[in-house]
PDB file of N, CA and C in Angstrom:
ATOM      1  N   MET A   1       0.838  -1.177   0.000  1.00  0.00           N
ATOM      2  CA  MET A   1       0.000   0.000   0.000  1.00  0.00           C
ATOM      3  C   MET A   1       0.887   1.245   0.000  1.00  0.00           C
ATOM      4  N   LYS A   2       0.551   2.214  -0.826  1.00  0.00           N
ATOM      5  CA  LYS A   2       1.317   3.448  -0.928  1.00  0.00           C
ATOM      6  C   LYS A   2       0.927   4.401   0.192  1.00  0.00           C
ATOM      7  N   THR A   3       1.910   5.047   0.768  1.00  0.00           N
ATOM      8  CA  THR A   3       1.674   6.073   1.769  1.00  0.00           C
ATOM      9  C   THR A   3       1.657   7.421   1.074  1.00  0.00           C
ATOM     10  N   PHE A   4       0.657   8.229   1.393  1.00  0.00           N
ATOM     11  CA  PHE A   4       0.525   9.546   0.778  1.00  0.00           C
ATOM     12  C   PHE A   4       0.991  10.624   1.749  1.00  0.00           C
ATOM     13  N   THR A   5       1.581  11.669   1.212  1.00  0.00           N
ATOM     14  CA  THR A   5       1.927  12.848   2.000  1.00  0.00           C
ATOM     15  C   THR A   5       1.171  14.029   1.407  1.00  0.00           C
ATOM     16  N   SER A   6       1.216  15.145   2.101  1.00  0.00           N
ATOM     17  CA  SER A   6       0.517  16.328   1.591  1.00  0.00           C
ATOM     18  C   SER A   6       1.085  16.794   0.253  1.00  0.00           C
ATOM     19  N   LYS A   7       2.315  16.400  -0.061  1.00  0.00           N
ATOM     20  CA  LYS A   7       2.907  16.758  -1.353  1.00  0.00           C
ATOM     21  C   LYS A   7       2.265  15.978  -2.497  1.00  0.00           C
ATOM     22  N   ASP A   8       1.653  14.818  -2.169  1.00  0.00           N
ATOM     23  CA  ASP A   8       1.016  13.975  -3.180  1.00  0.00           C
ATOM     24  C   ASP A   8      -0.437  14.372  -3.438  1.00  0.00           C
ATOM     25  N   ILE A   9      -1.004  15.159  -2.548  1.00  0.00           N
ATOM     26  CA  ILE A   9      -2.434  15.459  -2.600  1.00  0.00           C
ATOM     27  C   ILE A   9      -2.622  16.956  -2.809  1.00  0.00           C
ATOM     28  N   ASP A  10      -3.453  17.324  -3.789  1.00  0.00           N
ATOM     29  CA  ASP A  10      -3.716  18.743  -3.979  1.00  0.00           C
ATOM     30  C   ASP A  10      -5.145  19.133  -3.601  1.00  0.00           C
ATOM     31  N   SER A  11      -6.025  18.143  -3.445  1.00  0.00           N
ATOM     32  CA  SER A  11      -7.414  18.429  -3.089  1.00  0.00           C
ATOM     33  C   SER A  11      -7.986  17.330  -2.199  1.00  0.00           C
ATOM     34  N   ILE A  12      -8.854  17.739  -1.290  1.00  0.00           N
ATOM     35  CA  ILE A  12      -9.634  16.793  -0.483  1.00  0.00           C
ATOM     36  C   ILE A  12     -11.086  17.214  -0.603  1.00  0.00           C
ATOM     37  N   ILE A  13     -11.943  16.247  -0.906  1.00  0.00           N
ATOM     38  CA  ILE A  13     -13.372  16.518  -0.997  1.00  0.00           C
ATOM     39  C   ILE A  13     -14.085  15.660   0.046  1.00  0.00           C
ATOM     40  N   PHE A  14     -14.801  16.312   0.938  1.00  0.00           N
ATOM     41  CA  PHE A  14     -15.647  15.614   1.901  1.00  0.00           C
ATOM     42  C   PHE A  14     -17.051  15.533   1.311  1.00  0.00           C
ATOM     43  N   PHE A  15     -17.694  14.401   1.481  1.00  0.00           N
ATOM     44  CA  PHE A  15     -19.073  14.220   1.041  1.00  0.00           C
ATOM     45  C   PHE A  15     -19.955  14.216   2.281  1.00  0.00           C
ATOM     46  N   ASP A  16     -21.037  15.000   2.249  1.00  0.00           N
ATOM     47  CA  ASP A  16     -21.886  15.075   3.425  1.00  0.00           C
ATOM     48  C   ASP A  16     -23.317  15.413   3.025  1.00  0.00           C
ATOM     49  N   ALA A  17     -24.212  15.016   3.883  1.00  0.00           N
ATOM     50  CA  ALA A  17     -25.611  15.404   3.728  1.00  0.00           C
ATOM     51  C   ALA A  17     -25.762  16.789   4.354  1.00  0.00           C
ATOM     52  N   CYS A  18     -26.472  17.688   3.653  1.00  0.00           N
ATOM     53  CA  CYS A  18     -26.618  19.072   4.115  1.00  0.00           C
ATOM     54  C   CYS A  18     -28.066  19.521   3.947  1.00  0.00           C
ATOM     55  N   ARG A  19     -28.374  20.628   4.566  1.00  0.00           N
ATOM     56  CA  ARG A  19     -29.659  21.287   4.341  1.00  0.00           C
ATOM     57  C   ARG A  19     -29.368  22.731   3.947  1.00  0.00           C
ATOM     58  N   PHE A  20     -29.573  23.034   2.640  1.00  0.00           N
ATOM     59  CA  PHE A  20     -29.243  24.385   2.182  1.00  0.00           C
ATOM     60  C   PHE A  20     -30.255  24.983   1.229  1.00  0.00           C
ATOM     61  N   THR A  21     -31.169  24.213   0.676  1.00  0.00           N
ATOM     62  CA  THR A  21     -32.204  24.755  -0.210  1.00  0.00           C
ATOM     63  C   THR A  21     -33.480  23.964   0.004  1.00  0.00           C
ATOM     64  N   SER A  22     -34.504  24.304  -0.735  1.00  0.00           N
ATOM     65  CA  SER A  22     -35.745  23.539  -0.633  1.00  0.00           C
ATOM     66  C   SER A  22     -35.789  22.387  -1.634  1.00  0.00           C
ATOM     67  N   LYS A  23     -34.813  22.295  -2.545  1.00  0.00           N
ATOM     68  CA  LYS A  23     -34.804  21.245  -3.563  1.00  0.00           C
ATOM     69  C   LYS A  23     -34.056  20.014  -3.053  1.00  0.00           C
ATOM     70  N   LEU A  24     -34.808  18.968  -2.705  1.00  0.00           N
ATOM     71  CA  LEU A  24     -34.205  17.734  -2.203  1.00  0.00           C
ATOM     72  C   LEU A  24     -33.298  17.118  -3.260  1.00  0.00           C
ATOM     73  N   GLY A  25     -32.141  16.647  -2.832  1.00  0.00           N
ATOM     74  CA  GLY A  25     -31.216  15.988  -3.737  1.00  0.00           C
ATOM     75  C   GLY A  25     -30.282  16.920  -4.468  1.00  0.00           C
ATOM     76  N   GLU A  26     -30.467  18.236  -4.316  1.00  0.00           N
ATOM     77  CA  GLU A  26     -29.557  19.170  -4.982  1.00  0.00           C
ATOM     78  C   GLU A  26     -28.138  18.946  -4.462  1.00  0.00           C
ATOM     79  N   ILE A  27     -27.171  18.997  -5.364  1.00  0.00           N
ATOM     80  CA  ILE A  27     -25.762  18.822  -5.009  1.00  0.00           C
ATOM     81  C   ILE A  27     -25.081  20.173  -5.111  1.00  0.00           C
ATOM     82  N   LYS A  28     -24.288  20.491  -4.097  1.00  0.00           N
ATOM     83  CA  LYS A  28     -23.604  21.776  -4.076  1.00  0.00           C
ATOM     84  C   LYS A  28     -22.187  21.572  -3.559  1.00  0.00           C
ATOM     85  N   ILE A  29     -21.223  22.241  -4.186  1.00  0.00           N
ATOM     86  CA  ILE A  29     -19.838  22.209  -3.717  1.00  0.00           C
ATOM     87  C   ILE A  29     -19.632  23.444  -2.854  1.00  0.00           C
ATOM     88  N   LEU A  30     -19.218  23.199  -1.606  1.00  0.00           N
ATOM     89  CA  LEU A  30     -19.055  24.286  -0.641  1.00  0.00           C
ATOM     90  C   LEU A  30     -17.587  24.496  -0.310  1.00  0.00           C
ATOM     91  N   ASN A  31     -17.199  25.740  -0.159  1.00  0.00           N
ATOM     92  CA  ASN A  31     -15.886  26.065   0.380  1.00  0.00           C
ATOM     93  C   ASN A  31     -15.973  25.919   1.893  1.00  0.00           C
ATOM     94  N   PRO A  32     -14.871  25.630   2.559  1.00  0.00           N
ATOM     95  CA  PRO A  32     -14.913  25.483   4.019  1.00  0.00           C
ATOM     96  C   PRO A  32     -15.538  26.672   4.741  1.00  0.00           C
ATOM     97  N   LYS A  33     -15.340  27.883   4.237  1.00  0.00           N
ATOM     98  CA  LYS A  33     -15.912  29.071   4.894  1.00  0.00           C
ATOM     99  C   LYS A  33     -17.436  29.107   4.770  1.00  0.00           C
ATOM    100  N   GLU A  34     -17.993  28.407   3.794  1.00  0.00           N
ATOM    101  CA  GLU A  34     -19.439  28.361   3.622  1.00  0.00           C
ATOM    102  C   GLU A  34     -20.105  27.335   4.534  1.00  0.00           C
ATOM    103  N   ILE A  35     -19.338  26.431   5.099  1.00  0.00           N
ATOM    104  CA  ILE A  35     -19.897  25.335   5.868  1.00  0.00           C
ATOM    105  C   ILE A  35     -20.774  25.840   7.003  1.00  0.00           C
ATOM    106  N   SER A  36     -20.346  26.874   7.681  1.00  0.00           N
ATOM    107  CA  SER A  36     -21.113  27.362   8.826  1.00  0.00           C
ATOM    108  C   SER A  36     -22.429  28.004   8.411  1.00  0.00           C
ATOM    109  N   THR A  37     -22.624  28.305   7.119  1.00  0.00           N
ATOM    110  CA  THR A  37     -23.872  28.910   6.679  1.00  0.00           C
ATOM    111  C   THR A  37     -24.920  27.868   6.329  1.00  0.00           C
ATOM    112  N   PHE A  38     -24.519  26.585   6.277  1.00  0.00           N
ATOM    113  CA  PHE A  38     -25.444  25.509   5.966  1.00  0.00           C
ATOM    114  C   PHE A  38     -25.426  24.494   7.092  1.00  0.00           C
ATOM    115  N   SER A  39     -26.496  23.767   7.224  1.00  0.00           N
ATOM    116  CA  SER A  39     -26.567  22.724   8.244  1.00  0.00           C
ATOM    117  C   SER A  39     -26.094  21.417   7.626  1.00  0.00           C
ATOM    118  N   THR A  40     -24.999  20.866   8.157  1.00  0.00           N
ATOM    119  CA  THR A  40     -24.485  19.602   7.649  1.00  0.00           C
ATOM    120  C   THR A  40     -24.809  18.497   8.635  1.00  0.00           C
ATOM    121  N   SER A  41     -24.792  17.253   8.173  1.00  0.00           N
ATOM    122  CA  SER A  41     -25.159  16.158   9.053  1.00  0.00           C
ATOM    123  C   SER A  41     -24.054  15.817  10.036  1.00  0.00           C
ATOM    124  N   THR A  42     -22.798  16.007   9.647  1.00  0.00           N
ATOM    125  CA  THR A  42     -21.750  15.918  10.661  1.00  0.00           C
ATOM    126  C   THR A  42     -21.794  17.258  11.369  1.00  0.00           C
ATOM    127  N   HIS A  43     -21.080  17.419  12.416  1.00  0.00           N
ATOM    128  CA  HIS A  43     -21.192  18.654  13.177  1.00  0.00           C
ATOM    129  C   HIS A  43     -20.446  19.767  12.471  1.00  0.00           C
ATOM    130  N   THR A  44     -21.157  20.849  12.182  1.00  0.00           N
ATOM    131  CA  THR A  44     -20.634  21.942  11.374  1.00  0.00           C
ATOM    132  C   THR A  44     -19.297  22.450  11.899  1.00  0.00           C
ATOM    133  N   SER A  45     -19.211  22.672  13.192  1.00  0.00           N
ATOM    134  CA  SER A  45     -17.947  23.196  13.714  1.00  0.00           C
ATOM    135  C   SER A  45     -16.823  22.196  13.503  1.00  0.00           C
ATOM    136  N   SER A  46     -17.089  20.911  13.634  1.00  0.00           N
ATOM    137  CA  SER A  46     -16.059  19.892  13.428  1.00  0.00           C
ATOM    138  C   SER A  46     -15.543  19.928  11.994  1.00  0.00           C
ATOM    139  N   MET A  47     -16.428  20.022  11.028  1.00  0.00           N
ATOM    140  CA  MET A  47     -16.022  20.060   9.627  1.00  0.00           C
ATOM    141  C   MET A  47     -15.181  21.307   9.365  1.00  0.00           C
ATOM    142  N   SER A  48     -15.574  22.427   9.935  1.00  0.00           N
ATOM    143  CA  SER A  48     -14.797  23.658   9.773  1.00  0.00           C
ATOM    144  C   SER A  48     -13.423  23.531  10.401  1.00  0.00           C
ATOM    145  N   VAL A  49     -13.358  22.926  11.583  1.00  0.00           N
ATOM    146  CA  VAL A  49     -12.075  22.750  12.267  1.00  0.00           C
ATOM    147  C   VAL A  49     -11.160  21.842  11.461  1.00  0.00           C
ATOM    148  N   ILE A  50     -11.703  20.756  10.919  1.00  0.00           N
ATOM    149  CA  ILE A  50     -10.907  19.840  10.103  1.00  0.00           C
ATOM    150  C   ILE A  50     -10.352  20.564   8.880  1.00  0.00           C
ATOM    151  N   ALA A  51     -11.203  21.314   8.199  1.00  0.00           N
ATOM    152  CA  ALA A  51     -10.768  22.047   7.001  1.00  0.00           C
ATOM    153  C   ALA A  51      -9.690  23.071   7.357  1.00  0.00           C
ATOM    154  N   GLU A  52      -9.868  23.802   8.456  1.00  0.00           N
ATOM    155  CA  GLU A  52      -8.864  24.786   8.870  1.00  0.00           C
ATOM    156  C   GLU A  52      -7.541  24.108   9.226  1.00  0.00           C
ATOM    157  N   TYR A  53      -7.603  22.986   9.900  1.00  0.00           N
ATOM    158  CA  TYR A  53      -6.399  22.254  10.280  1.00  0.00           C
ATOM    159  C   TYR A  53      -5.623  21.805   9.038  1.00  0.00           C
ATOM    160  N   ILE A  54      -6.336  21.230   8.079  1.00  0.00           N
ATOM    161  CA  ILE A  54      -5.687  20.775   6.844  1.00  0.00           C
ATOM    162  C   ILE A  54      -5.042  21.955   6.133  1.00  0.00           C
ATOM    163  N   HIS A  55      -5.771  23.053   6.034  1.00  0.00           N
ATOM    164  CA  HIS A  55      -5.265  24.235   5.335  1.00  0.00           C
ATOM    165  C   HIS A  55      -4.046  24.830   6.049  1.00  0.00           C
ATOM    166  N   LYS A  56      -4.049  24.794   7.377  1.00  0.00           N
ATOM    167  CA  LYS A  56      -2.945  25.369   8.164  1.00  0.00           C
ATOM    168  C   LYS A  56      -1.621  24.648   7.924  1.00  0.00           C
ATOM    169  N   PHE A  57      -1.688  23.328   7.732  1.00  0.00           N
ATOM    170  CA  PHE A  57      -0.470  22.539   7.623  1.00  0.00           C
ATOM    171  C   PHE A  57      -0.151  22.067   6.208  1.00  0.00           C
ATOM    172  N   SER A  58      -0.923  22.519   5.229  1.00  0.00           N
ATOM    173  CA  SER A  58      -0.657  22.099   3.853  1.00  0.00           C
ATOM    174  C   SER A  58      -1.257  23.109   2.878  1.00  0.00           C
ATOM    175  N   ASP A  59      -0.976  22.899   1.611  1.00  0.00           N
ATOM    176  CA  ASP A  59      -1.577  23.724   0.557  1.00  0.00           C
ATOM    177  C   ASP A  59      -2.751  23.003  -0.102  1.00  0.00           C
ATOM    178  N   VAL A  60      -3.260  21.978   0.556  1.00  0.00           N
ATOM    179  CA  VAL A  60      -4.337  21.168   0.005  1.00  0.00           C
ATOM    180  C   VAL A  60      -5.634  21.980  -0.021  1.00  0.00           C
ATOM    181  N   MET A  61      -6.329  21.941  -1.160  1.00  0.00           N
ATOM    182  CA  MET A  61      -7.625  22.593  -1.291  1.00  0.00           C
ATOM    183  C   MET A  61      -8.687  21.681  -0.673  1.00  0.00           C
ATOM    184  N   VAL A  62      -9.517  22.232   0.206  1.00  0.00           N
ATOM    185  CA  VAL A  62     -10.570  21.459   0.863  1.00  0.00           C
ATOM    186  C   VAL A  62     -11.927  21.968   0.397  1.00  0.00           C
ATOM    187  N   LYS A  63     -12.781  21.053  -0.029  1.00  0.00           N
ATOM    188  CA  LYS A  63     -14.154  21.368  -0.423  1.00  0.00           C
ATOM    189  C   LYS A  63     -15.082  20.367   0.252  1.00  0.00           C
ATOM    190  N   VAL A  64     -16.334  20.746   0.373  1.00  0.00           N
ATOM    191  CA  VAL A  64     -17.368  19.835   0.877  1.00  0.00           C
ATOM    192  C   VAL A  64     -18.415  19.729  -0.216  1.00  0.00           C
ATOM    193  N   LEU A  65     -18.689  18.501  -0.632  1.00  0.00           N
ATOM    194  CA  LEU A  65     -19.736  18.272  -1.605  1.00  0.00           C
ATOM    195  C   LEU A  65     -20.961  17.832  -0.817  1.00  0.00           C
ATOM    196  N   GLY A  66     -21.972  18.686  -0.783  1.00  0.00           N
ATOM    197  CA  GLY A  66     -23.168  18.403   0.001  1.00  0.00           C
ATOM    198  C   GLY A  66     -24.336  18.012  -0.877  1.00  0.00           C
ATOM    199  N   ILE A  67     -25.114  17.051  -0.393  1.00  0.00           N
ATOM    200  CA  ILE A  67     -26.376  16.688  -1.039  1.00  0.00           C
ATOM    201  C   ILE A  67     -27.493  17.128  -0.104  1.00  0.00           C
ATOM    202  N   ASN A  68     -28.406  17.944  -0.619  1.00  0.00           N
ATOM    203  CA  ASN A  68     -29.483  18.475   0.201  1.00  0.00           C
ATOM    204  C   ASN A  68     -30.450  17.365   0.634  1.00  0.00           C
ATOM    205  N   ILE A  69     -30.710  17.321   1.940  1.00  0.00           N
ATOM    206  CA  ILE A  69     -31.608  16.317   2.515  1.00  0.00           C
ATOM    207  C   ILE A  69     -32.777  17.001   3.202  1.00  0.00           C
ATOM    208  N   ARG A  70     -33.826  16.241   3.467  1.00  0.00           N
ATOM    209  CA  ARG A  70     -34.992  16.776   4.186  1.00  0.00           C
ATOM    210  C   ARG A  70     -34.688  16.860   5.679  1.00  0.00           C
ATOM    211  N   ASN A  71     -34.172  15.760   6.246  1.00  0.00           N
ATOM    212  CA  ASN A  71     -33.803  15.763   7.660  1.00  0.00           C
ATOM    213  C   ASN A  71     -32.653  14.787   7.868  1.00  0.00           C
ATOM    214  N   ALA A  72     -32.001  14.920   9.022  1.00  0.00           N
ATOM    215  CA  ALA A  72     -30.819  14.105   9.305  1.00  0.00           C
ATOM    216  C   ALA A  72     -31.133  12.957  10.251  1.00  0.00           C
ATOM    217  N   HIS A  73     -32.404  12.669  10.465  1.00  0.00           N
ATOM    218  CA  HIS A  73     -32.773  11.553  11.334  1.00  0.00           C
ATOM    219  C   HIS A  73     -32.539  10.236  10.604  1.00  0.00           C
ATOM    220  N   PHE A  74     -32.114   9.239  11.354  1.00  0.00           N
ATOM    221  CA  PHE A  74     -31.861   7.936  10.747  1.00  0.00           C
ATOM    222  C   PHE A  74     -33.171   7.306  10.300  1.00  0.00           C
ATOM    223  N   THR A  75     -33.208   6.867   9.061  1.00  0.00           N
ATOM    224  CA  THR A  75     -34.333   6.097   8.527  1.00  0.00           C
ATOM    225  C   THR A  75     -33.748   4.975   7.681  1.00  0.00           C
ATOM    226  N   PRO A  76     -34.472   3.883   7.520  1.00  0.00           N
ATOM    227  CA  PRO A  76     -33.932   2.759   6.752  1.00  0.00           C
ATOM    228  C   PRO A  76     -33.872   3.011   5.244  1.00  0.00           C
ATOM    229  N   GLU A  77     -34.486   4.073   4.767  1.00  0.00           N
ATOM    230  CA  GLU A  77     -34.472   4.332   3.328  1.00  0.00           C
ATOM    231  C   GLU A  77     -34.047   5.762   3.022  1.00  0.00           C
ATOM    232  N   ILE A  78     -33.525   5.939   1.825  1.00  0.00           N
ATOM    233  CA  ILE A  78     -33.126   7.255   1.328  1.00  0.00           C
ATOM    234  C   ILE A  78     -34.262   7.772   0.466  1.00  0.00           C
ATOM    235  N   SER A  79     -34.553   9.069   0.567  1.00  0.00           N
ATOM    236  CA  SER A  79     -35.626   9.623  -0.264  1.00  0.00           C
ATOM    237  C   SER A  79     -35.254   9.460  -1.738  1.00  0.00           C
ATOM    238  N   PRO A  80     -36.255   9.301  -2.607  1.00  0.00           N
ATOM    239  CA  PRO A  80     -35.973   9.093  -4.039  1.00  0.00           C
ATOM    240  C   PRO A  80     -35.113  10.194  -4.662  1.00  0.00           C
ATOM    241  N   ASN A  81     -35.345  11.459  -4.294  1.00  0.00           N
ATOM    242  CA  ASN A  81     -34.564  12.569  -4.865  1.00  0.00           C
ATOM    243  C   ASN A  81     -33.091  12.473  -4.464  1.00  0.00           C
ATOM    244  N   VAL A  82     -32.847  12.190  -3.186  1.00  0.00           N
ATOM    245  CA  VAL A  82     -31.469  12.091  -2.701  1.00  0.00           C
ATOM    246  C   VAL A  82     -30.785  10.873  -3.309  1.00  0.00           C
ATOM    247  N   LYS A  83     -31.500   9.743  -3.403  1.00  0.00           N
ATOM    248  CA  LYS A  83     -30.929   8.526  -4.003  1.00  0.00           C
ATOM    249  C   LYS A  83     -30.558   8.772  -5.460  1.00  0.00           C
ATOM    250  N   GLU A  84     -31.432   9.436  -6.203  1.00  0.00           N
ATOM    251  CA  GLU A  84     -31.154   9.726  -7.616  1.00  0.00           C
ATOM    252  C   GLU A  84     -29.896  10.597  -7.744  1.00  0.00           C
ATOM    253  N   SER A  85     -29.774  11.614  -6.907  1.00  0.00           N
ATOM    254  CA  SER A  85     -28.589  12.476  -6.950  1.00  0.00           C
ATOM    255  C   SER A  85     -27.338  11.710  -6.552  1.00  0.00           C
ATOM    256  N   ALA A  86     -27.436  10.899  -5.498  1.00  0.00           N
ATOM    257  CA  ALA A  86     -26.279  10.117  -5.050  1.00  0.00           C
ATOM    258  C   ALA A  86     -25.844   9.129  -6.136  1.00  0.00           C
ATOM    259  N   ASP A  87     -26.800   8.456  -6.763  1.00  0.00           N
ATOM    260  CA  ASP A  87     -26.469   7.519  -7.844  1.00  0.00           C
ATOM    261  C   ASP A  87     -25.799   8.236  -9.018  1.00  0.00           C
ATOM    262  N   SER A  88     -26.294   9.418  -9.366  1.00  0.00           N
ATOM    263  CA  SER A  88     -25.686  10.196 -10.455  1.00  0.00           C
ATOM    264  C   SER A  88     -24.262  10.605 -10.089  1.00  0.00           C
ATOM    265  N   LEU A  89     -24.079  11.012  -8.852  1.00  0.00           N
ATOM    266  CA  LEU A  89     -22.751  11.404  -8.388  1.00  0.00           C
ATOM    267  C   LEU A  89     -21.788  10.226  -8.414  1.00  0.00           C
ATOM    268  N   ILE A  90     -22.238   9.060  -7.990  1.00  0.00           N
ATOM    269  CA  ILE A  90     -21.408   7.852  -8.025  1.00  0.00           C
ATOM    270  C   ILE A  90     -20.989   7.533  -9.457  1.00  0.00           C
ATOM    271  N   MET A  91     -21.906   7.640 -10.387  1.00  0.00           N
ATOM    272  CA  MET A  91     -21.583   7.368 -11.796  1.00  0.00           C
ATOM    273  C   MET A  91     -20.575   8.386 -12.338  1.00  0.00           C
ATOM    274  N   MET A  92     -20.726   9.647 -11.968  1.00  0.00           N
ATOM    275  CA  MET A  92     -19.774  10.675 -12.421  1.00  0.00           C
ATOM    276  C   MET A  92     -18.373  10.374 -11.891  1.00  0.00           C
ATOM    277  N   ILE A  93     -18.288   9.960 -10.630  1.00  0.00           N
ATOM    278  CA  ILE A  93     -16.987   9.648 -10.038  1.00  0.00           C
ATOM    279  C   ILE A  93     -16.391   8.408 -10.705  1.00  0.00           C
ATOM    280  N   LYS A  94     -17.206   7.380 -10.936  1.00  0.00           N
ATOM    281  CA  LYS A  94     -16.716   6.177 -11.620  1.00  0.00           C
ATOM    282  C   LYS A  94     -16.203   6.505 -13.017  1.00  0.00           C
ATOM    283  N   ASP A  95     -16.961   7.310 -13.762  1.00  0.00           N
ATOM    284  CA  ASP A  95     -16.557   7.694 -15.117  1.00  0.00           C
ATOM    285  C   ASP A  95     -15.265   8.510 -15.108  1.00  0.00           C
ATOM    286  N   ALA A  96     -15.132   9.400 -14.125  1.00  0.00           N
ATOM    287  CA  ALA A  96     -13.957  10.258 -14.059  1.00  0.00           C
ATOM    288  C   ALA A  96     -12.705   9.534 -13.609  1.00  0.00           C
ATOM    289  N   THR A  97     -12.866   8.423 -12.899  1.00  0.00           N
ATOM    290  CA  THR A  97     -11.703   7.717 -12.349  1.00  0.00           C
ATOM    291  C   THR A  97     -11.388   6.418 -13.059  1.00  0.00           C
ATOM    292  N   SER A  98     -12.135   6.082 -14.099  1.00  0.00           N
ATOM    293  CA  SER A  98     -11.847   4.811 -14.792  1.00  0.00           C
ATOM    294  C   SER A  98     -11.132   5.034 -16.106  1.00  0.00           C
TER     295      SER A  98
END
């Protein structure tokens, strides 16, 4: 297994469920400074602290890719809008990395 250093990495993208618009399943790329303006499913301050820490010790660009959700309560199923967006995102990543 290869070990990576900050010299090998130029970008980090976190994927998270967020609440930022009324359109369920909308995908938005957020800068770390925007994180506190939206409600994320992980703890907003934690995500901001992680992004600041990475930025302080490296030149790595940090972004958060959020998918808009209705609520962050655990349920056994994903809403159809969010599932459709997540599936599309997975296909885009597969296409871009293959």
